[in-house]
């Protein structure tokens, strides 16, 4: 959070690439962004337990999360919404070609 706040204070854009599964985790980030006048956006990756476990199994060393951790995070996972203070929420899915399909949340086909 210290680095996020410093970057925002310096007028830089910030992207937090982390699983923040619930309002308890994302609330401080939303507050920090708004405190510095930033637009706060959430990206929702619908859960894919089988895919997550498969990708995680390919990791080695400290990069691999114990399977119990993946399951525990899934239990806490909540879909963000503008009611949580986000200025925008996007749905993100794999596009089947190695990239992503990103659409505003709630759009048809998302």
PDB file of N, CA and C in Angstrom:
ATOM      1  N   UNK A   1       0.818  -1.191   0.000  1.00  0.00           N
ATOM      2  CA  UNK A   1       0.000   0.000   0.000  1.00  0.00           C
ATOM      3  C   UNK A   1       0.864   1.258   0.000  1.00  0.00           C
ATOM      4  N   UNK A   2       1.997   1.182   0.675  1.00  0.00           N
ATOM      5  CA  UNK A   2       2.877   2.357   0.702  1.00  0.00           C
ATOM      6  C   UNK A   2       3.308   2.737  -0.709  1.00  0.00           C
ATOM      7  N   UNK A   3       3.686   1.740  -1.513  1.00  0.00           N
ATOM      8  CA  UNK A   3       4.125   2.012  -2.888  1.00  0.00           C
ATOM      9  C   UNK A   3       2.974   2.505  -3.754  1.00  0.00           C
ATOM     10  N   UNK A   4       1.788   1.953  -3.547  1.00  0.00           N
ATOM     11  CA  UNK A   4       0.614   2.403  -4.297  1.00  0.00           C
ATOM     12  C   UNK A   4       0.339   3.869  -3.975  1.00  0.00           C
ATOM     13  N   UNK A   5       0.309   4.195  -2.687  1.00  0.00           N
ATOM     14  CA  UNK A   5       0.040   5.590  -2.287  1.00  0.00           C
ATOM     15  C   UNK A   5       1.104   6.546  -2.821  1.00  0.00           C
ATOM     16  N   UNK A   6       2.366   6.127  -2.776  1.00  0.00           N
ATOM     17  CA  UNK A   6       3.435   6.995  -3.271  1.00  0.00           C
ATOM     18  C   UNK A   6       3.295   7.240  -4.764  1.00  0.00           C
ATOM     19  N   UNK A   7       3.024   6.186  -5.517  1.00  0.00           N
ATOM     20  CA  UNK A   7       2.859   6.353  -6.971  1.00  0.00           C
ATOM     21  C   UNK A   7       1.683   7.275  -7.271  1.00  0.00           C
ATOM     22  N   UNK A   8       0.574   7.091  -6.563  1.00  0.00           N
ATOM     23  CA  UNK A   8      -0.586   7.961  -6.774  1.00  0.00           C
ATOM     24  C   UNK A   8      -0.264   9.407  -6.404  1.00  0.00           C
ATOM     25  N   UNK A   9       0.450   9.601  -5.303  1.00  0.00           N
ATOM     26  CA  UNK A   9       0.837  10.950  -4.885  1.00  0.00           C
ATOM     27  C   UNK A   9       1.740  11.609  -5.919  1.00  0.00           C
ATOM     28  N   UNK A  10       2.526  10.791  -6.623  1.00  0.00           N
ATOM     29  CA  UNK A  10       3.410  11.301  -7.674  1.00  0.00           C
ATOM     30  C   UNK A  10       2.674  11.514  -8.993  1.00  0.00           C
ATOM     31  N   UNK A  11       1.373  11.212  -9.008  1.00  0.00           N
ATOM     32  CA  UNK A  11       0.566  11.408 -10.214  1.00  0.00           C
ATOM     33  C   UNK A  11       0.685  10.296 -11.230  1.00  0.00           C
ATOM     34  N   UNK A  12       1.240   9.154 -10.803  1.00  0.00           N
ATOM     35  CA  UNK A  12       1.396   8.035 -11.734  1.00  0.00           C
ATOM     36  C   UNK A  12       0.190   7.108 -11.680  1.00  0.00           C
ATOM     37  N   UNK A  13      -0.056   6.417 -12.781  1.00  0.00           N
ATOM     38  CA  UNK A  13      -1.083   5.381 -12.826  1.00  0.00           C
ATOM     39  C   UNK A  13      -0.562   4.150 -12.103  1.00  0.00           C
ATOM     40  N   UNK A  14      -1.462   3.394 -11.518  1.00  0.00           N
ATOM     41  CA  UNK A  14      -1.095   2.203 -10.761  1.00  0.00           C
ATOM     42  C   UNK A  14      -1.981   1.047 -11.194  1.00  0.00           C
ATOM     43  N   UNK A  15      -1.378  -0.107 -11.393  1.00  0.00           N
ATOM     44  CA  UNK A  15      -2.133  -1.342 -11.631  1.00  0.00           C
ATOM     45  C   UNK A  15      -1.695  -2.336 -10.558  1.00  0.00           C
ATOM     46  N   UNK A  16      -2.658  -2.874  -9.844  1.00  0.00           N
ATOM     47  CA  UNK A  16      -2.367  -3.865  -8.808  1.00  0.00           C
ATOM     48  C   UNK A  16      -2.702  -5.226  -9.392  1.00  0.00           C
ATOM     49  N   UNK A  17      -1.684  -5.992  -9.711  1.00  0.00           N
ATOM     50  CA  UNK A  17      -1.848  -7.322 -10.306  1.00  0.00           C
ATOM     51  C   UNK A  17      -1.775  -8.343  -9.186  1.00  0.00           C
ATOM     52  N   UNK A  18      -2.922  -8.553  -8.560  1.00  0.00           N
ATOM     53  CA  UNK A  18      -2.992  -9.449  -7.418  1.00  0.00           C
ATOM     54  C   UNK A  18      -4.433  -9.923  -7.284  1.00  0.00           C
ATOM     55  N   UNK A  19      -4.619 -11.071  -6.700  1.00  0.00           N
ATOM     56  CA  UNK A  19      -5.971 -11.534  -6.420  1.00  0.00           C
ATOM     57  C   UNK A  19      -6.435 -10.850  -5.144  1.00  0.00           C
ATOM     58  N   UNK A  20      -7.369  -9.952  -5.300  1.00  0.00           N
ATOM     59  CA  UNK A  20      -8.003  -9.277  -4.171  1.00  0.00           C
ATOM     60  C   UNK A  20      -9.442  -9.771  -4.165  1.00  0.00           C
ATOM     61  N   UNK A  21      -9.698 -10.877  -3.457  1.00  0.00           N
ATOM     62  CA  UNK A  21     -10.955 -11.590  -3.625  1.00  0.00           C
ATOM     63  C   UNK A  21     -12.191 -10.970  -3.004  1.00  0.00           C
ATOM     64  N   UNK A  22     -12.023  -9.995  -2.118  1.00  0.00           N
ATOM     65  CA  UNK A  22     -13.208  -9.490  -1.430  1.00  0.00           C
ATOM     66  C   UNK A  22     -13.061  -8.011  -1.104  1.00  0.00           C
ATOM     67  N   UNK A  23     -14.171  -7.385  -0.709  1.00  0.00           N
ATOM     68  CA  UNK A  23     -14.114  -5.957  -0.360  1.00  0.00           C
ATOM     69  C   UNK A  23     -13.084  -5.635   0.713  1.00  0.00           C
ATOM     70  N   UNK A  24     -12.832  -6.549   1.619  1.00  0.00           N
ATOM     71  CA  UNK A  24     -11.835  -6.280   2.660  1.00  0.00           C
ATOM     72  C   UNK A  24     -10.463  -6.005   2.059  1.00  0.00           C
ATOM     73  N   UNK A  25     -10.125  -6.715   0.985  1.00  0.00           N
ATOM     74  CA  UNK A  25      -8.822  -6.512   0.332  1.00  0.00           C
ATOM     75  C   UNK A  25      -8.832  -5.306  -0.605  1.00  0.00           C
ATOM     76  N   UNK A  26      -9.920  -5.089  -1.328  1.00  0.00           N
ATOM     77  CA  UNK A  26      -9.873  -4.008  -2.319  1.00  0.00           C
ATOM     78  C   UNK A  26     -10.291  -2.649  -1.756  1.00  0.00           C
ATOM     79  N   UNK A  27     -10.975  -2.613  -0.620  1.00  0.00           N
ATOM     80  CA  UNK A  27     -11.438  -1.339  -0.054  1.00  0.00           C
ATOM     81  C   UNK A  27     -10.296  -0.340   0.169  1.00  0.00           C
ATOM     82  N   UNK A  28      -9.142  -0.734   0.743  1.00  0.00           N
ATOM     83  CA  UNK A  28      -8.045   0.243   0.906  1.00  0.00           C
ATOM     84  C   UNK A  28      -7.490   0.747  -0.425  1.00  0.00           C
ATOM     85  N   UNK A  29      -7.492  -0.093  -1.441  1.00  0.00           N
ATOM     86  CA  UNK A  29      -7.003   0.331  -2.753  1.00  0.00           C
ATOM     87  C   UNK A  29      -7.954   1.348  -3.379  1.00  0.00           C
ATOM     88  N   UNK A  30      -9.246   1.082  -3.281  1.00  0.00           N
ATOM     89  CA  UNK A  30     -10.257   2.010  -3.808  1.00  0.00           C
ATOM     90  C   UNK A  30     -10.138   3.350  -3.089  1.00  0.00           C
ATOM     91  N   UNK A  31     -10.037   3.302  -1.773  1.00  0.00           N
ATOM     92  CA  UNK A  31      -9.942   4.539  -0.991  1.00  0.00           C
ATOM     93  C   UNK A  31      -8.688   5.333  -1.353  1.00  0.00           C
ATOM     94  N   UNK A  32      -7.563   4.650  -1.506  1.00  0.00           N
ATOM     95  CA  UNK A  32      -6.323   5.339  -1.863  1.00  0.00           C
ATOM     96  C   UNK A  32      -6.441   5.993  -3.229  1.00  0.00           C
ATOM     97  N   UNK A  33      -6.994   5.268  -4.179  1.00  0.00           N
ATOM     98  CA  UNK A  33      -7.165   5.840  -5.516  1.00  0.00           C
ATOM     99  C   UNK A  33      -8.021   7.092  -5.490  1.00  0.00           C
ATOM    100  N   UNK A  34      -9.167   7.001  -4.845  1.00  0.00           N
ATOM    101  CA  UNK A  34     -10.061   8.160  -4.797  1.00  0.00           C
ATOM    102  C   UNK A  34      -9.451   9.315  -3.996  1.00  0.00           C
ATOM    103  N   UNK A  35      -8.709   9.006  -2.946  1.00  0.00           N
ATOM    104  CA  UNK A  35      -8.070  10.058  -2.151  1.00  0.00           C
ATOM    105  C   UNK A  35      -7.090  10.875  -2.988  1.00  0.00           C
ATOM    106  N   UNK A  36      -6.559  10.258  -4.044  1.00  0.00           N
ATOM    107  CA  UNK A  36      -5.599  10.944  -4.921  1.00  0.00           C
ATOM    108  C   UNK A  36      -6.231  11.360  -6.246  1.00  0.00           C
ATOM    109  N   UNK A  37      -7.561  11.293  -6.328  1.00  0.00           N
ATOM    110  CA  UNK A  37      -8.255  11.740  -7.529  1.00  0.00           C
ATOM    111  C   UNK A  37      -8.137  10.809  -8.716  1.00  0.00           C
ATOM    112  N   UNK A  38      -7.771   9.558  -8.474  1.00  0.00           N
ATOM    113  CA  UNK A  38      -7.604   8.598  -9.568  1.00  0.00           C
ATOM    114  C   UNK A  38      -8.925   7.927  -9.905  1.00  0.00           C
ATOM    115  N   UNK A  39      -9.042   7.497 -11.129  1.00  0.00           N
ATOM    116  CA  UNK A  39     -10.152   6.653 -11.567  1.00  0.00           C
ATOM    117  C   UNK A  39      -9.794   5.228 -11.145  1.00  0.00           C
ATOM    118  N   UNK A  40     -10.717   4.547 -10.457  1.00  0.00           N
ATOM    119  CA  UNK A  40     -10.448   3.224  -9.912  1.00  0.00           C
ATOM    120  C   UNK A  40     -11.263   2.192 -10.684  1.00  0.00           C
ATOM    121  N   UNK A  41     -10.558   1.250 -11.299  1.00  0.00           N
ATOM    122  CA  UNK A  41     -11.172   0.255 -12.176  1.00  0.00           C
ATOM    123  C   UNK A  41     -10.865  -1.147 -11.664  1.00  0.00           C
ATOM    124  N   UNK A  42     -11.863  -2.027 -11.718  1.00  0.00           N
ATOM    125  CA  UNK A  42     -11.671  -3.432 -11.343  1.00  0.00           C
ATOM    126  C   UNK A  42     -11.809  -4.299 -12.581  1.00  0.00           C
ATOM    127  N   UNK A  43     -11.015  -5.356 -12.640  1.00  0.00           N
ATOM    128  CA  UNK A  43     -11.119  -6.350 -13.703  1.00  0.00           C
ATOM    129  C   UNK A  43     -11.557  -7.660 -13.066  1.00  0.00           C
ATOM    130  N   UNK A  44     -12.683  -8.188 -13.518  1.00  0.00           N
ATOM    131  CA  UNK A  44     -13.254  -9.431 -12.986  1.00  0.00           C
ATOM    132  C   UNK A  44     -12.920 -10.574 -13.927  1.00  0.00           C
ATOM    133  N   UNK A  45     -12.147 -11.506 -13.418  1.00  0.00           N
ATOM    134  CA  UNK A  45     -11.826 -12.728 -14.142  1.00  0.00           C
ATOM    135  C   UNK A  45     -12.719 -13.817 -13.539  1.00  0.00           C
ATOM    136  N   UNK A  46     -13.773 -14.248 -14.227  1.00  0.00           N
ATOM    137  CA  UNK A  46     -14.633 -15.281 -13.641  1.00  0.00           C
ATOM    138  C   UNK A  46     -13.808 -16.495 -13.224  1.00  0.00           C
ATOM    139  N   UNK A  47     -14.143 -17.081 -12.080  1.00  0.00           N
ATOM    140  CA  UNK A  47     -13.337 -18.206 -11.593  1.00  0.00           C
ATOM    141  C   UNK A  47     -13.382 -19.412 -12.522  1.00  0.00           C
ATOM    142  N   UNK A  48     -12.231 -20.029 -12.665  1.00  0.00           N
ATOM    143  CA  UNK A  48     -12.068 -21.261 -13.445  1.00  0.00           C
ATOM    144  C   UNK A  48     -11.151 -22.142 -12.605  1.00  0.00           C
ATOM    145  N   UNK A  49     -11.755 -22.878 -11.657  1.00  0.00           N
ATOM    146  CA  UNK A  49     -10.963 -23.653 -10.713  1.00  0.00           C
ATOM    147  C   UNK A  49     -10.053 -24.644 -11.417  1.00  0.00           C
ATOM    148  N   UNK A  50     -10.589 -25.395 -12.365  1.00  0.00           N
ATOM    149  CA  UNK A  50      -9.769 -26.395 -13.058  1.00  0.00           C
ATOM    150  C   UNK A  50      -8.589 -25.728 -13.777  1.00  0.00           C
ATOM    151  N   UNK A  51      -8.849 -24.630 -14.467  1.00  0.00           N
ATOM    152  CA  UNK A  51      -7.785 -23.924 -15.167  1.00  0.00           C
ATOM    153  C   UNK A  51      -6.763 -23.330 -14.210  1.00  0.00           C
ATOM    154  N   UNK A  52      -7.238 -22.785 -13.095  1.00  0.00           N
ATOM    155  CA  UNK A  52      -6.328 -22.217 -12.099  1.00  0.00           C
ATOM    156  C   UNK A  52      -5.418 -23.286 -11.511  1.00  0.00           C
ATOM    157  N   UNK A  53      -6.002 -24.441 -11.181  1.00  0.00           N
ATOM    158  CA  UNK A  53      -5.198 -25.528 -10.620  1.00  0.00           C
ATOM    159  C   UNK A  53      -4.187 -26.047 -11.640  1.00  0.00           C
ATOM    160  N   UNK A  54      -4.585 -26.098 -12.908  1.00  0.00           N
ATOM    161  CA  UNK A  54      -3.687 -26.566 -13.970  1.00  0.00           C
ATOM    162  C   UNK A  54      -2.519 -25.589 -14.155  1.00  0.00           C
ATOM    163  N   UNK A  55      -2.817 -24.293 -14.219  1.00  0.00           N
ATOM    164  CA  UNK A  55      -1.744 -23.297 -14.383  1.00  0.00           C
ATOM    165  C   UNK A  55      -0.842 -23.282 -13.161  1.00  0.00           C
ATOM    166  N   UNK A  56      -1.430 -23.400 -11.969  1.00  0.00           N
ATOM    167  CA  UNK A  56      -0.651 -23.397 -10.744  1.00  0.00           C
ATOM    168  C   UNK A  56       0.277 -24.615 -10.680  1.00  0.00           C
ATOM    169  N   UNK A  57      -0.199 -25.781 -11.132  1.00  0.00           N
ATOM    170  CA  UNK A  57       0.606 -27.014 -11.102  1.00  0.00           C
ATOM    171  C   UNK A  57       1.849 -26.884 -11.979  1.00  0.00           C
ATOM    172  N   UNK A  58       1.792 -26.012 -12.978  1.00  0.00           N
ATOM    173  CA  UNK A  58       2.941 -25.817 -13.868  1.00  0.00           C
ATOM    174  C   UNK A  58       3.991 -24.892 -13.260  1.00  0.00           C
ATOM    175  N   UNK A  59       3.658 -24.238 -12.166  1.00  0.00           N
ATOM    176  CA  UNK A  59       4.606 -23.355 -11.489  1.00  0.00           C
ATOM    177  C   UNK A  59       5.563 -24.175 -10.633  1.00  0.00           C
ATOM    178  N   UNK A  60       6.701 -23.562 -10.342  1.00  0.00           N
ATOM    179  CA  UNK A  60       7.678 -24.257  -9.493  1.00  0.00           C
ATOM    180  C   UNK A  60       8.102 -23.350  -8.347  1.00  0.00           C
ATOM    181  N   UNK A  61       8.653 -23.968  -7.326  1.00  0.00           N
ATOM    182  CA  UNK A  61       9.211 -23.224  -6.200  1.00  0.00           C
ATOM    183  C   UNK A  61       8.193 -22.333  -5.516  1.00  0.00           C
ATOM    184  N   UNK A  62       8.638 -21.127  -5.181  1.00  0.00           N
ATOM    185  CA  UNK A  62       7.784 -20.188  -4.454  1.00  0.00           C
ATOM    186  C   UNK A  62       6.637 -19.646  -5.293  1.00  0.00           C
ATOM    187  N   UNK A  63       6.710 -19.820  -6.614  1.00  0.00           N
ATOM    188  CA  UNK A  63       5.636 -19.338  -7.481  1.00  0.00           C
ATOM    189  C   UNK A  63       4.389 -20.212  -7.383  1.00  0.00           C
ATOM    190  N   UNK A  64       4.563 -21.459  -6.931  1.00  0.00           N
ATOM    191  CA  UNK A  64       3.429 -22.374  -6.837  1.00  0.00           C
ATOM    192  C   UNK A  64       2.714 -22.166  -5.504  1.00  0.00           C
ATOM    193  N   UNK A  65       1.398 -22.020  -5.588  1.00  0.00           N
ATOM    194  CA  UNK A  65       0.552 -21.851  -4.409  1.00  0.00           C
ATOM    195  C   UNK A  65       0.019 -23.224  -4.021  1.00  0.00           C
ATOM    196  N   UNK A  66       0.033 -23.586  -2.743  1.00  0.00           N
ATOM    197  CA  UNK A  66      -0.575 -24.869  -2.361  1.00  0.00           C
ATOM    198  C   UNK A  66      -2.040 -24.896  -2.813  1.00  0.00           C
ATOM    199  N   UNK A  67      -2.496 -26.051  -3.308  1.00  0.00           N
ATOM    200  CA  UNK A  67      -3.870 -26.157  -3.817  1.00  0.00           C
ATOM    201  C   UNK A  67      -4.893 -25.679  -2.799  1.00  0.00           C
ATOM    202  N   UNK A  68      -4.648 -25.924  -1.525  1.00  0.00           N
ATOM    203  CA  UNK A  68      -5.582 -25.480  -0.490  1.00  0.00           C
ATOM    204  C   UNK A  68      -5.729 -23.955  -0.518  1.00  0.00           C
ATOM    205  N   UNK A  69      -4.672 -23.247  -0.876  1.00  0.00           N
ATOM    206  CA  UNK A  69      -4.730 -21.793  -0.991  1.00  0.00           C
ATOM    207  C   UNK A  69      -5.604 -21.342  -2.142  1.00  0.00           C
ATOM    208  N   UNK A  70      -5.538 -22.059  -3.251  1.00  0.00           N
ATOM    209  CA  UNK A  70      -6.391 -21.740  -4.404  1.00  0.00           C
ATOM    210  C   UNK A  70      -7.858 -21.937  -4.006  1.00  0.00           C
ATOM    211  N   UNK A  71      -8.149 -23.049  -3.355  1.00  0.00           N
ATOM    212  CA  UNK A  71      -9.531 -23.328  -2.923  1.00  0.00           C
ATOM    213  C   UNK A  71     -10.012 -22.297  -1.901  1.00  0.00           C
ATOM    214  N   UNK A  72      -9.158 -21.916  -0.968  1.00  0.00           N
ATOM    215  CA  UNK A  72      -9.540 -20.939   0.059  1.00  0.00           C
ATOM    216  C   UNK A  72      -9.842 -19.575  -0.559  1.00  0.00           C
ATOM    217  N   UNK A  73      -9.039 -19.172  -1.536  1.00  0.00           N
ATOM    218  CA  UNK A  73      -9.274 -17.893  -2.206  1.00  0.00           C
ATOM    219  C   UNK A  73     -10.584 -17.931  -2.975  1.00  0.00           C
ATOM    220  N   UNK A  74     -10.865 -19.047  -3.643  1.00  0.00           N
ATOM    221  CA  UNK A  74     -12.121 -19.174  -4.385  1.00  0.00           C
ATOM    222  C   UNK A  74     -13.330 -19.000  -3.461  1.00  0.00           C
ATOM    223  N   UNK A  75     -13.254 -19.529  -2.256  1.00  0.00           N
ATOM    224  CA  UNK A  75     -14.365 -19.403  -1.306  1.00  0.00           C
ATOM    225  C   UNK A  75     -14.617 -17.951  -0.911  1.00  0.00           C
ATOM    226  N   UNK A  76     -13.566 -17.140  -0.903  1.00  0.00           N
ATOM    227  CA  UNK A  76     -13.693 -15.727  -0.515  1.00  0.00           C
ATOM    228  C   UNK A  76     -13.982 -14.810  -1.696  1.00  0.00           C
ATOM    229  N   UNK A  77     -13.874 -15.325  -2.907  1.00  0.00           N
ATOM    230  CA  UNK A  77     -13.971 -14.513  -4.106  1.00  0.00           C
ATOM    231  C   UNK A  77     -15.356 -13.891  -4.276  1.00  0.00           C
ATOM    232  N   UNK A  78     -15.383 -12.570  -4.479  1.00  0.00           N
ATOM    233  CA  UNK A  78     -16.608 -11.826  -4.722  1.00  0.00           C
ATOM    234  C   UNK A  78     -16.435 -10.997  -5.981  1.00  0.00           C
ATOM    235  N   UNK A  79     -17.500 -10.882  -6.742  1.00  0.00           N
ATOM    236  CA  UNK A  79     -17.473 -10.069  -7.952  1.00  0.00           C
ATOM    237  C   UNK A  79     -17.552  -8.590  -7.556  1.00  0.00           C
ATOM    238  N   UNK A  80     -16.618  -7.762  -8.016  1.00  0.00           N
ATOM    239  CA  UNK A  80     -16.682  -6.335  -7.696  1.00  0.00           C
ATOM    240  C   UNK A  80     -17.787  -5.641  -8.485  1.00  0.00           C
ATOM    241  N   UNK A  81     -18.244  -4.517  -7.968  1.00  0.00           N
ATOM    242  CA  UNK A  81     -19.262  -3.744  -8.677  1.00  0.00           C
ATOM    243  C   UNK A  81     -19.038  -2.263  -8.410  1.00  0.00           C
ATOM    244  N   UNK A  82     -19.674  -1.410  -9.206  1.00  0.00           N
ATOM    245  CA  UNK A  82     -19.562   0.026  -8.926  1.00  0.00           C
ATOM    246  C   UNK A  82     -20.050   0.378  -7.515  1.00  0.00           C
ATOM    247  N   UNK A  83     -20.952  -0.402  -6.953  1.00  0.00           N
ATOM    248  CA  UNK A  83     -21.425  -0.150  -5.580  1.00  0.00           C
ATOM    249  C   UNK A  83     -20.291  -0.280  -4.564  1.00  0.00           C
ATOM    250  N   UNK A  84     -19.203  -0.953  -4.941  1.00  0.00           N
ATOM    251  CA  UNK A  84     -18.029  -1.096  -4.074  1.00  0.00           C
ATOM    252  C   UNK A  84     -17.092   0.106  -4.180  1.00  0.00           C
ATOM    253  N   UNK A  85     -17.471   1.100  -4.973  1.00  0.00           N
ATOM    254  CA  UNK A  85     -16.652   2.294  -5.119  1.00  0.00           C
ATOM    255  C   UNK A  85     -15.835   2.352  -6.398  1.00  0.00           C
ATOM    256  N   UNK A  86     -15.893   1.305  -7.206  1.00  0.00           N
ATOM    257  CA  UNK A  86     -15.150   1.311  -8.462  1.00  0.00           C
ATOM    258  C   UNK A  86     -15.827   2.248  -9.461  1.00  0.00           C
ATOM    259  N   UNK A  87     -15.015   2.952 -10.222  1.00  0.00           N
ATOM    260  CA  UNK A  87     -15.555   3.828 -11.256  1.00  0.00           C
ATOM    261  C   UNK A  87     -15.976   3.038 -12.480  1.00  0.00           C
ATOM    262  N   UNK A  88     -15.381   1.862 -12.662  1.00  0.00           N
ATOM    263  CA  UNK A  88     -15.745   0.962 -13.758  1.00  0.00           C
ATOM    264  C   UNK A  88     -15.330  -0.451 -13.375  1.00  0.00           C
ATOM    265  N   UNK A  89     -16.083  -1.414 -13.896  1.00  0.00           N
ATOM    266  CA  UNK A  89     -15.750  -2.828 -13.702  1.00  0.00           C
ATOM    267  C   UNK A  89     -15.768  -3.472 -15.082  1.00  0.00           C
ATOM    268  N   UNK A  90     -14.731  -4.241 -15.376  1.00  0.00           N
ATOM    269  CA  UNK A  90     -14.629  -4.938 -16.655  1.00  0.00           C
ATOM    270  C   UNK A  90     -14.625  -6.445 -16.429  1.00  0.00           C
ATOM    271  N   UNK A  91     -15.297  -7.155 -17.329  1.00  0.00           N
ATOM    272  CA  UNK A  91     -15.250  -8.610 -17.359  1.00  0.00           C
ATOM    273  C   UNK A  91     -14.104  -9.002 -18.284  1.00  0.00           C
ATOM    274  N   UNK A  92     -13.258  -9.923 -17.837  1.00  0.00           N
ATOM    275  CA  UNK A  92     -12.098 -10.348 -18.615  1.00  0.00           C
ATOM    276  C   UNK A  92     -12.143 -11.865 -18.758  1.00  0.00           C
ATOM    277  N   UNK A  93     -12.023 -12.318 -20.001  1.00  0.00           N
ATOM    278  CA  UNK A  93     -12.001 -13.761 -20.272  1.00  0.00           C
ATOM    279  C   UNK A  93     -10.876 -14.049 -21.266  1.00  0.00           C
ATOM    280  N   UNK A  94     -10.387 -15.284 -21.235  1.00  0.00           N
ATOM    281  CA  UNK A  94      -9.423 -15.701 -22.252  1.00  0.00           C
ATOM    282  C   UNK A  94     -10.135 -15.703 -23.599  1.00  0.00           C
ATOM    283  N   UNK A  95      -9.431 -15.263 -24.641  1.00  0.00           N
ATOM    284  CA  UNK A  95     -10.056 -15.207 -25.960  1.00  0.00           C
ATOM    285  C   UNK A  95      -9.829 -16.462 -26.800  1.00  0.00           C
ATOM    286  N   UNK A  96      -9.092 -17.441 -26.272  1.00  0.00           N
ATOM    287  CA  UNK A  96      -8.837 -18.672 -27.014  1.00  0.00           C
ATOM    288  C   UNK A  96      -7.692 -18.562 -28.004  1.00  0.00           C
ATOM    289  N   UNK A  97      -7.078 -17.376 -28.110  1.00  0.00           N
ATOM    290  CA  UNK A  97      -5.964 -17.156 -29.039  1.00  0.00           C
ATOM    291  C   UNK A  97      -4.717 -16.677 -28.307  1.00  0.00           C
ATOM    292  N   UNK A  98      -4.719 -16.830 -26.966  1.00  0.00           N
ATOM    293  CA  UNK A  98      -3.577 -16.395 -26.186  1.00  0.00           C
ATOM    294  C   UNK A  98      -3.715 -14.993 -25.617  1.00  0.00           C
ATOM    295  N   UNK A  99      -4.861 -14.382 -25.826  1.00  0.00           N
ATOM    296  CA  UNK A  99      -5.085 -13.033 -25.307  1.00  0.00           C
ATOM    297  C   UNK A  99      -6.333 -12.988 -24.441  1.00  0.00           C
ATOM    298  N   UNK A 100      -6.887 -11.804 -24.321  1.00  0.00           N
ATOM    299  CA  UNK A 100      -8.049 -11.603 -23.465  1.00  0.00           C
ATOM    300  C   UNK A 100      -9.141 -10.851 -24.208  1.00  0.00           C
ATOM    301  N   UNK A 101     -10.368 -11.115 -23.809  1.00  0.00           N
ATOM    302  CA  UNK A 101     -11.538 -10.362 -24.260  1.00  0.00           C
ATOM    303  C   UNK A 101     -11.962  -9.527 -23.043  1.00  0.00           C
ATOM    304  N   UNK A 102     -11.897  -8.203 -23.171  1.00  0.00           N
ATOM    305  CA  UNK A 102     -12.206  -7.303 -22.064  1.00  0.00           C
ATOM    306  C   UNK A 102     -13.412  -6.470 -22.471  1.00  0.00           C
ATOM    307  N   UNK A 103     -14.461  -6.518 -21.631  1.00  0.00           N
ATOM    308  CA  UNK A 103     -15.694  -5.774 -21.907  1.00  0.00           C
ATOM    309  C   UNK A 103     -16.210  -5.135 -20.631  1.00  0.00           C
ATOM    310  N   UNK A 104     -16.888  -3.995 -20.773  1.00  0.00           N
ATOM    311  CA  UNK A 104     -17.529  -3.442 -19.580  1.00  0.00           C
ATOM    312  C   UNK A 104     -18.460  -4.481 -18.961  1.00  0.00           C
ATOM    313  N   UNK A 105     -18.461  -4.590 -17.654  1.00  0.00           N
ATOM    314  CA  UNK A 105     -19.280  -5.586 -16.956  1.00  0.00           C
ATOM    315  C   UNK A 105     -20.740  -5.429 -17.336  1.00  0.00           C
ATOM    316  N   UNK A 106     -21.377  -6.582 -17.511  1.00  0.00           N
ATOM    317  CA  UNK A 106     -22.800  -6.581 -17.823  1.00  0.00           C
ATOM    318  C   UNK A 106     -23.141  -6.461 -19.285  1.00  0.00           C
ATOM    319  N   UNK A 107     -22.141  -6.273 -20.136  1.00  0.00           N
ATOM    320  CA  UNK A 107     -22.404  -6.191 -21.572  1.00  0.00           C
ATOM    321  C   UNK A 107     -22.770  -7.549 -22.139  1.00  0.00           C
ATOM    322  N   UNK A 108     -23.623  -7.585 -23.121  1.00  0.00           N
ATOM    323  CA  UNK A 108     -24.001  -8.825 -23.780  1.00  0.00           C
ATOM    324  C   UNK A 108     -22.750  -9.518 -24.317  1.00  0.00           C
ATOM    325  N   UNK A 109     -22.680 -10.828 -24.117  1.00  0.00           N
ATOM    326  CA  UNK A 109     -21.547 -11.598 -24.598  1.00  0.00           C
ATOM    327  C   UNK A 109     -20.387 -11.607 -23.637  1.00  0.00           C
ATOM    328  N   UNK A 110     -20.484 -10.827 -22.573  1.00  0.00           N
ATOM    329  CA  UNK A 110     -19.379 -10.779 -21.602  1.00  0.00           C
ATOM    330  C   UNK A 110     -19.522 -11.871 -20.591  1.00  0.00           C
TER     331      UNK A 110
END
